[in-house]
Amino acid sequence: MLITNHVMSGAVVGALAPGPVSAFVLGVASHFTLDTVPHWGDEATFLQVAVVDGLVGLAAMGTIAATTPPDRRARVLAGMLGACAPDTDKPSEVFFGRSPFPEALDAWHKRIQRESPRRMPQEVVVATLGALLVRRLVRG
C-alpha cells in the first residue's frame, strides 16, 4: 500500500479517535489492516515510486495537519504518524542497512501483504476516496 494511502487512513482514524494515544495505536492497526488488502507492489520500480510517494505523503500529512482545526490536530497527526510508522522499516533498510523492528515483526509484515504490479489504479482510487473522506471528517 502506498504511504499516501496510509496517511489518509491515519487522518480518518485520528479524526474519529477520542485522543492522540488511541489515534496513534489505531493508526498502527489501520496500517496492518490495509496491508492485508490486495494492493500495488512491484520490486522492479519500488524505490522510484516510493520516493515520489513518500514526498506526496509527507506533503499530504503537512497539508492535513495545517488545515485541521486546532482542537482535532493532535489526534489527526497522531493517527497519521501511527499509520505510517510500520513502514519506517523501508527507508531504514535503505539508509542504515537494517530495520528498526524485530525480524519476526518484519517477516510477518511482509507475509500479510498481497501485492501485484497491476494494482496501481486501485491505489489511485483509494487515495482519491481517502482524500475526500479526510476532507469531510477532518476539516468538517
N, C-alpha and C. Protein backbone atom coordinates (compact mmCIF):
# COMPACT_ATOMS: atom_id res chain seq x y z
N MET A 1 0.86 -1.17 0.00
CA MET A 1 0.00 0.00 0.00
C MET A 1 0.90 1.23 0.00
N LEU A 2 0.54 2.20 -0.82
CA LEU A 2 1.31 3.44 -0.86
C LEU A 2 1.20 4.17 0.46
N ILE A 3 2.27 4.85 0.86
CA ILE A 3 2.27 5.55 2.15
C ILE A 3 1.23 6.67 2.16
N THR A 4 0.98 7.26 0.99
CA THR A 4 -0.05 8.31 0.92
C THR A 4 -1.40 7.76 1.37
N ASN A 5 -1.71 6.52 1.03
CA ASN A 5 -2.98 5.93 1.46
C ASN A 5 -2.97 5.66 2.96
N HIS A 6 -1.82 5.32 3.51
CA HIS A 6 -1.73 5.15 4.97
C HIS A 6 -1.91 6.51 5.66
N VAL A 7 -1.38 7.58 5.07
CA VAL A 7 -1.58 8.92 5.63
C VAL A 7 -3.07 9.24 5.68
N MET A 8 -3.77 8.98 4.59
CA MET A 8 -5.21 9.28 4.53
C MET A 8 -5.98 8.47 5.57
N SER A 9 -5.69 7.18 5.65
CA SER A 9 -6.41 6.35 6.62
C SER A 9 -6.08 6.78 8.04
N GLY A 10 -4.84 7.15 8.29
CA GLY A 10 -4.46 7.62 9.62
C GLY A 10 -5.16 8.90 10.01
N ALA A 11 -5.36 9.79 9.04
CA ALA A 11 -6.09 11.03 9.32
C ALA A 11 -7.55 10.73 9.67
N VAL A 12 -8.15 9.81 8.96
CA VAL A 12 -9.53 9.43 9.25
C VAL A 12 -9.62 8.81 10.64
N VAL A 13 -8.71 7.90 10.93
CA VAL A 13 -8.68 7.26 12.25
C VAL A 13 -8.51 8.32 13.34
N GLY A 14 -7.59 9.25 13.11
CA GLY A 14 -7.35 10.30 14.10
C GLY A 14 -8.57 11.19 14.31
N ALA A 15 -9.29 11.47 13.24
CA ALA A 15 -10.49 12.31 13.35
C ALA A 15 -11.57 11.63 14.18
N LEU A 16 -11.60 10.30 14.14
CA LEU A 16 -12.64 9.55 14.84
C LEU A 16 -12.22 9.08 16.24
N ALA A 17 -10.92 9.12 16.52
CA ALA A 17 -10.41 8.63 17.81
C ALA A 17 -10.69 9.65 18.92
N PRO A 18 -10.81 9.16 20.16
CA PRO A 18 -11.09 10.08 21.26
C PRO A 18 -9.89 10.93 21.69
N GLY A 19 -8.67 10.46 21.40
CA GLY A 19 -7.48 11.21 21.81
C GLY A 19 -6.26 10.79 21.02
N PRO A 20 -5.13 11.49 21.22
CA PRO A 20 -3.92 11.20 20.43
C PRO A 20 -3.31 9.81 20.65
N VAL A 21 -3.34 9.31 21.87
CA VAL A 21 -2.74 7.99 22.12
C VAL A 21 -3.54 6.90 21.41
N SER A 22 -4.84 6.94 21.57
CA SER A 22 -5.67 5.94 20.88
C SER A 22 -5.58 6.13 19.37
N ALA A 23 -5.45 7.37 18.90
CA ALA A 23 -5.32 7.62 17.46
C ALA A 23 -4.04 6.99 16.92
N PHE A 24 -2.94 7.11 17.66
CA PHE A 24 -1.68 6.51 17.21
C PHE A 24 -1.81 4.99 17.15
N VAL A 25 -2.31 4.39 18.22
CA VAL A 25 -2.45 2.93 18.28
C VAL A 25 -3.39 2.44 17.17
N LEU A 26 -4.51 3.10 17.00
CA LEU A 26 -5.45 2.71 15.94
C LEU A 26 -4.87 2.97 14.55
N GLY A 27 -4.02 3.99 14.44
CA GLY A 27 -3.33 4.25 13.18
C GLY A 27 -2.41 3.10 12.81
N VAL A 28 -1.65 2.58 13.79
CA VAL A 28 -0.80 1.42 13.56
C VAL A 28 -1.65 0.23 13.13
N ALA A 29 -2.75 0.01 13.83
CA ALA A 29 -3.64 -1.11 13.47
C ALA A 29 -4.20 -0.94 12.06
N SER A 30 -4.52 0.29 11.69
CA SER A 30 -5.05 0.53 10.35
C SER A 30 -4.01 0.22 9.28
N HIS A 31 -2.74 0.45 9.61
CA HIS A 31 -1.68 0.15 8.65
C HIS A 31 -1.67 -1.34 8.31
N PHE A 32 -1.65 -2.16 9.33
CA PHE A 32 -1.60 -3.59 9.09
C PHE A 32 -2.88 -4.11 8.45
N THR A 33 -4.01 -3.51 8.81
CA THR A 33 -5.28 -3.90 8.18
C THR A 33 -5.25 -3.60 6.69
N LEU A 34 -4.81 -2.39 6.32
CA LEU A 34 -4.74 -2.04 4.90
C LEU A 34 -3.73 -2.91 4.15
N ASP A 35 -2.66 -3.29 4.83
CA ASP A 35 -1.65 -4.12 4.17
C ASP A 35 -2.16 -5.52 3.85
N THR A 36 -3.23 -5.95 4.49
CA THR A 36 -3.79 -7.26 4.16
C THR A 36 -4.67 -7.21 2.92
N VAL A 37 -5.09 -6.01 2.53
CA VAL A 37 -5.91 -5.84 1.33
C VAL A 37 -4.99 -5.93 0.11
N PRO A 38 -5.38 -6.67 -0.93
CA PRO A 38 -4.53 -6.72 -2.12
C PRO A 38 -4.25 -5.30 -2.64
N HIS A 39 -2.97 -5.02 -2.92
CA HIS A 39 -2.59 -3.67 -3.33
C HIS A 39 -1.39 -3.70 -4.27
N TRP A 40 -0.97 -2.52 -4.72
CA TRP A 40 0.13 -2.41 -5.65
C TRP A 40 1.45 -2.77 -4.96
N GLY A 41 2.32 -3.38 -5.72
CA GLY A 41 3.67 -3.66 -5.28
C GLY A 41 4.46 -4.19 -6.46
N ASP A 42 5.65 -3.65 -6.67
CA ASP A 42 6.48 -4.05 -7.79
C ASP A 42 7.93 -3.82 -7.41
N GLU A 43 8.66 -4.91 -7.17
CA GLU A 43 10.04 -4.79 -6.73
C GLU A 43 10.92 -4.04 -7.72
N ALA A 44 10.60 -4.16 -9.02
CA ALA A 44 11.43 -3.53 -10.05
C ALA A 44 11.39 -2.01 -9.97
N THR A 45 10.25 -1.44 -9.61
CA THR A 45 10.12 0.02 -9.59
C THR A 45 9.83 0.57 -8.19
N PHE A 46 9.93 -0.27 -7.18
CA PHE A 46 9.53 0.14 -5.83
C PHE A 46 10.23 1.41 -5.37
N LEU A 47 11.54 1.46 -5.47
CA LEU A 47 12.27 2.60 -4.92
C LEU A 47 11.90 3.90 -5.64
N GLN A 48 11.75 3.84 -6.95
CA GLN A 48 11.38 5.06 -7.69
C GLN A 48 10.00 5.55 -7.26
N VAL A 49 9.06 4.64 -7.16
CA VAL A 49 7.71 5.02 -6.75
C VAL A 49 7.70 5.44 -5.28
N ALA A 50 8.47 4.76 -4.45
CA ALA A 50 8.49 5.05 -3.02
C ALA A 50 8.98 6.46 -2.72
N VAL A 51 9.95 6.93 -3.46
CA VAL A 51 10.46 8.29 -3.23
C VAL A 51 9.37 9.31 -3.54
N VAL A 52 8.74 9.18 -4.70
CA VAL A 52 7.67 10.11 -5.08
C VAL A 52 6.51 9.99 -4.09
N ASP A 53 6.11 8.77 -3.80
CA ASP A 53 5.01 8.55 -2.86
C ASP A 53 5.33 9.11 -1.49
N GLY A 54 6.55 8.92 -1.04
CA GLY A 54 6.95 9.46 0.26
C GLY A 54 6.83 10.97 0.32
N LEU A 55 7.24 11.63 -0.75
CA LEU A 55 7.15 13.09 -0.80
C LEU A 55 5.69 13.55 -0.87
N VAL A 56 4.89 12.85 -1.67
CA VAL A 56 3.46 13.18 -1.75
C VAL A 56 2.79 12.93 -0.39
N GLY A 57 3.13 11.81 0.24
CA GLY A 57 2.57 11.50 1.56
C GLY A 57 2.96 12.54 2.60
N LEU A 58 4.21 12.98 2.56
CA LEU A 58 4.68 14.00 3.50
C LEU A 58 3.95 15.32 3.26
N ALA A 59 3.78 15.69 1.99
CA ALA A 59 3.05 16.91 1.66
C ALA A 59 1.59 16.80 2.11
N ALA A 60 0.99 15.64 1.90
CA ALA A 60 -0.40 15.43 2.34
C ALA A 60 -0.50 15.54 3.86
N MET A 61 0.46 14.94 4.55
CA MET A 61 0.46 14.99 6.02
C MET A 61 0.56 16.44 6.50
N GLY A 62 1.46 17.21 5.90
CA GLY A 62 1.61 18.61 6.29
C GLY A 62 0.37 19.43 5.99
N THR A 63 -0.22 19.20 4.82
CA THR A 63 -1.42 19.93 4.44
C THR A 63 -2.59 19.58 5.35
N ILE A 64 -2.75 18.30 5.61
CA ILE A 64 -3.84 17.88 6.50
C ILE A 64 -3.65 18.45 7.90
N ALA A 65 -2.43 18.37 8.43
CA ALA A 65 -2.17 18.90 9.77
C ALA A 65 -2.41 20.41 9.82
N ALA A 66 -1.98 21.12 8.78
CA ALA A 66 -2.13 22.58 8.76
C ALA A 66 -3.58 23.03 8.63
N THR A 67 -4.41 22.21 7.98
CA THR A 67 -5.80 22.61 7.75
C THR A 67 -6.79 21.99 8.73
N THR A 68 -6.28 21.14 9.62
CA THR A 68 -7.15 20.54 10.63
C THR A 68 -7.40 21.56 11.74
N PRO A 69 -8.64 21.70 12.18
CA PRO A 69 -8.91 22.62 13.30
C PRO A 69 -8.04 22.25 14.52
N PRO A 70 -7.59 23.26 15.25
CA PRO A 70 -6.67 23.02 16.38
C PRO A 70 -7.17 22.00 17.40
N ASP A 71 -8.47 21.94 17.64
CA ASP A 71 -8.98 21.01 18.65
C ASP A 71 -8.87 19.55 18.21
N ARG A 72 -8.67 19.29 16.93
CA ARG A 72 -8.52 17.92 16.42
C ARG A 72 -7.11 17.60 15.94
N ARG A 73 -6.26 18.61 15.83
CA ARG A 73 -4.97 18.45 15.17
C ARG A 73 -4.09 17.38 15.81
N ALA A 74 -3.98 17.32 17.12
CA ALA A 74 -3.08 16.36 17.77
C ALA A 74 -3.49 14.92 17.46
N ARG A 75 -4.78 14.65 17.55
CA ARG A 75 -5.20 13.26 17.30
C ARG A 75 -5.12 12.90 15.83
N VAL A 76 -5.39 13.84 14.93
CA VAL A 76 -5.26 13.56 13.49
C VAL A 76 -3.80 13.31 13.14
N LEU A 77 -2.91 14.14 13.66
CA LEU A 77 -1.48 13.95 13.41
C LEU A 77 -0.99 12.63 14.01
N ALA A 78 -1.45 12.30 15.21
CA ALA A 78 -1.07 11.03 15.84
C ALA A 78 -1.57 9.84 15.02
N GLY A 79 -2.77 9.93 14.49
CA GLY A 79 -3.30 8.86 13.64
C GLY A 79 -2.46 8.68 12.39
N MET A 80 -2.07 9.78 11.77
CA MET A 80 -1.25 9.70 10.56
C MET A 80 0.13 9.12 10.88
N LEU A 81 0.73 9.56 11.97
CA LEU A 81 2.06 9.03 12.35
C LEU A 81 1.98 7.54 12.67
N GLY A 82 0.95 7.13 13.37
CA GLY A 82 0.78 5.72 13.68
C GLY A 82 0.58 4.88 12.43
N ALA A 83 -0.21 5.41 11.49
CA ALA A 83 -0.48 4.67 10.26
C ALA A 83 0.75 4.53 9.38
N CYS A 84 1.68 5.45 9.50
CA CYS A 84 2.91 5.40 8.68
C CYS A 84 4.07 4.68 9.38
N ALA A 85 4.03 4.62 10.70
CA ALA A 85 5.16 4.09 11.47
C ALA A 85 5.65 2.71 11.04
N PRO A 86 4.76 1.74 10.77
CA PRO A 86 5.27 0.41 10.41
C PRO A 86 6.10 0.38 9.13
N ASP A 87 5.93 1.37 8.25
CA ASP A 87 6.72 1.38 7.02
C ASP A 87 8.05 2.11 7.15
N THR A 88 8.41 2.51 8.36
CA THR A 88 9.73 3.12 8.54
C THR A 88 10.85 2.08 8.38
N ASP A 89 10.46 0.80 8.30
CA ASP A 89 11.47 -0.23 8.05
C ASP A 89 12.13 -0.05 6.69
N LYS A 90 11.38 0.41 5.71
CA LYS A 90 11.90 0.51 4.34
C LYS A 90 12.99 1.57 4.20
N PRO A 91 12.76 2.84 4.58
CA PRO A 91 13.85 3.80 4.48
C PRO A 91 15.01 3.47 5.42
N SER A 92 14.69 2.87 6.55
CA SER A 92 15.75 2.49 7.48
C SER A 92 16.68 1.45 6.86
N GLU A 93 16.10 0.50 6.13
CA GLU A 93 16.92 -0.52 5.45
C GLU A 93 17.78 0.12 4.36
N VAL A 94 17.23 1.10 3.63
CA VAL A 94 17.98 1.77 2.56
C VAL A 94 19.13 2.59 3.15
N PHE A 95 18.85 3.39 4.17
CA PHE A 95 19.85 4.31 4.71
C PHE A 95 20.79 3.69 5.74
N PHE A 96 20.29 2.76 6.53
CA PHE A 96 21.09 2.22 7.63
C PHE A 96 21.38 0.73 7.51
N GLY A 97 20.81 0.08 6.50
CA GLY A 97 21.08 -1.33 6.27
C GLY A 97 20.32 -2.29 7.16
N ARG A 98 19.39 -1.77 7.96
CA ARG A 98 18.60 -2.64 8.82
C ARG A 98 17.31 -1.96 9.24
N SER A 99 16.35 -2.79 9.58
CA SER A 99 15.06 -2.32 10.05
C SER A 99 15.14 -2.00 11.55
N PRO A 100 14.35 -1.05 12.03
CA PRO A 100 14.33 -0.78 13.47
C PRO A 100 13.47 -1.77 14.26
N PHE A 101 12.79 -2.66 13.54
CA PHE A 101 11.86 -3.58 14.18
C PHE A 101 12.47 -4.97 14.31
N PRO A 102 11.94 -5.78 15.20
CA PRO A 102 12.41 -7.17 15.33
C PRO A 102 12.16 -7.94 14.02
N GLU A 103 13.04 -8.88 13.72
CA GLU A 103 12.92 -9.67 12.49
C GLU A 103 11.57 -10.35 12.37
N ALA A 104 11.05 -10.85 13.48
CA ALA A 104 9.75 -11.55 13.44
C ALA A 104 8.63 -10.62 12.98
N LEU A 105 8.65 -9.36 13.45
CA LEU A 105 7.63 -8.40 13.04
C LEU A 105 7.78 -8.08 11.55
N ASP A 106 9.01 -7.86 11.09
CA ASP A 106 9.25 -7.57 9.67
C ASP A 106 8.80 -8.74 8.79
N ALA A 107 9.09 -9.96 9.21
CA ALA A 107 8.70 -11.14 8.43
C ALA A 107 7.18 -11.25 8.36
N TRP A 108 6.51 -11.03 9.48
CA TRP A 108 5.05 -11.07 9.50
C TRP A 108 4.47 -9.96 8.62
N HIS A 109 5.03 -8.76 8.72
CA HIS A 109 4.56 -7.62 7.93
C HIS A 109 4.67 -7.92 6.43
N LYS A 110 5.73 -8.54 6.01
CA LYS A 110 5.89 -8.92 4.60
C LYS A 110 4.93 -10.03 4.21
N ARG A 111 4.70 -10.95 5.11
CA ARG A 111 3.84 -12.11 4.82
C ARG A 111 2.37 -11.72 4.61
N ILE A 112 1.90 -10.70 5.29
CA ILE A 112 0.48 -10.35 5.21
C ILE A 112 0.14 -9.58 3.94
N GLN A 113 1.15 -9.12 3.22
CA GLN A 113 0.89 -8.29 2.04
C GLN A 113 0.69 -9.12 0.78
N ARG A 114 -0.33 -8.75 0.03
CA ARG A 114 -0.61 -9.39 -1.27
C ARG A 114 -0.48 -8.31 -2.33
N GLU A 115 0.68 -8.24 -2.94
CA GLU A 115 0.99 -7.18 -3.88
C GLU A 115 0.98 -7.67 -5.33
N SER A 116 0.69 -6.74 -6.23
CA SER A 116 0.72 -7.02 -7.66
C SER A 116 1.10 -5.74 -8.39
N PRO A 117 1.93 -5.84 -9.42
CA PRO A 117 2.30 -4.65 -10.18
C PRO A 117 1.14 -4.08 -11.00
N ARG A 118 0.02 -4.78 -11.06
CA ARG A 118 -1.14 -4.31 -11.83
C ARG A 118 -2.16 -3.54 -11.01
N ARG A 119 -1.88 -3.30 -9.76
CA ARG A 119 -2.90 -2.69 -8.90
C ARG A 119 -2.69 -1.19 -8.66
N MET A 120 -1.86 -0.52 -9.43
CA MET A 120 -1.67 0.92 -9.24
C MET A 120 -2.98 1.70 -9.41
N PRO A 121 -3.83 1.36 -10.39
CA PRO A 121 -5.10 2.11 -10.48
C PRO A 121 -5.92 2.03 -9.19
N GLN A 122 -5.89 0.90 -8.54
CA GLN A 122 -6.59 0.75 -7.26
C GLN A 122 -6.03 1.71 -6.23
N GLU A 123 -4.71 1.87 -6.20
CA GLU A 123 -4.08 2.77 -5.24
C GLU A 123 -4.55 4.21 -5.46
N VAL A 124 -4.67 4.60 -6.72
CA VAL A 124 -5.12 5.96 -7.05
C VAL A 124 -6.56 6.16 -6.60
N VAL A 125 -7.40 5.17 -6.83
CA VAL A 125 -8.80 5.26 -6.39
C VAL A 125 -8.88 5.36 -4.87
N VAL A 126 -8.11 4.53 -4.17
CA VAL A 126 -8.10 4.55 -2.70
C VAL A 126 -7.63 5.92 -2.20
N ALA A 127 -6.59 6.47 -2.81
CA ALA A 127 -6.08 7.79 -2.41
C ALA A 127 -7.12 8.88 -2.63
N THR A 128 -7.81 8.82 -3.75
CA THR A 128 -8.83 9.83 -4.05
C THR A 128 -9.99 9.74 -3.07
N LEU A 129 -10.48 8.54 -2.84
CA LEU A 129 -11.57 8.36 -1.87
C LEU A 129 -11.11 8.75 -0.47
N GLY A 130 -9.87 8.40 -0.14
CA GLY A 130 -9.32 8.78 1.16
C GLY A 130 -9.26 10.28 1.34
N ALA A 131 -8.83 10.99 0.31
CA ALA A 131 -8.75 12.45 0.38
C ALA A 131 -10.13 13.07 0.58
N LEU A 132 -11.12 12.54 -0.11
CA LEU A 132 -12.49 13.04 0.05
C LEU A 132 -13.02 12.79 1.46
N LEU A 133 -12.74 11.61 1.97
CA LEU A 133 -13.17 11.27 3.33
C LEU A 133 -12.44 12.12 4.37
N VAL A 134 -11.15 12.34 4.16
CA VAL A 134 -10.38 13.20 5.07
C VAL A 134 -10.97 14.60 5.08
N ARG A 135 -11.26 15.12 3.91
CA ARG A 135 -11.81 16.47 3.84
C ARG A 135 -13.12 16.57 4.62
N ARG A 136 -13.94 15.55 4.48
CA ARG A 136 -15.24 15.57 5.16
C ARG A 136 -15.10 15.40 6.67
N LEU A 137 -14.31 14.43 7.11
CA LEU A 137 -14.21 14.11 8.54
C LEU A 137 -13.26 15.02 9.31
N VAL A 138 -12.14 15.34 8.71
CA VAL A 138 -11.10 16.06 9.44
C VAL A 138 -11.36 17.56 9.44
N ARG A 139 -11.68 18.08 8.29
CA ARG A 139 -11.85 19.52 8.18
C ARG A 139 -13.27 19.96 8.52
N GLY A 140 -14.19 18.99 8.60
CA GLY A 140 -15.55 19.29 8.98
C GLY A 140 -16.29 19.98 7.87
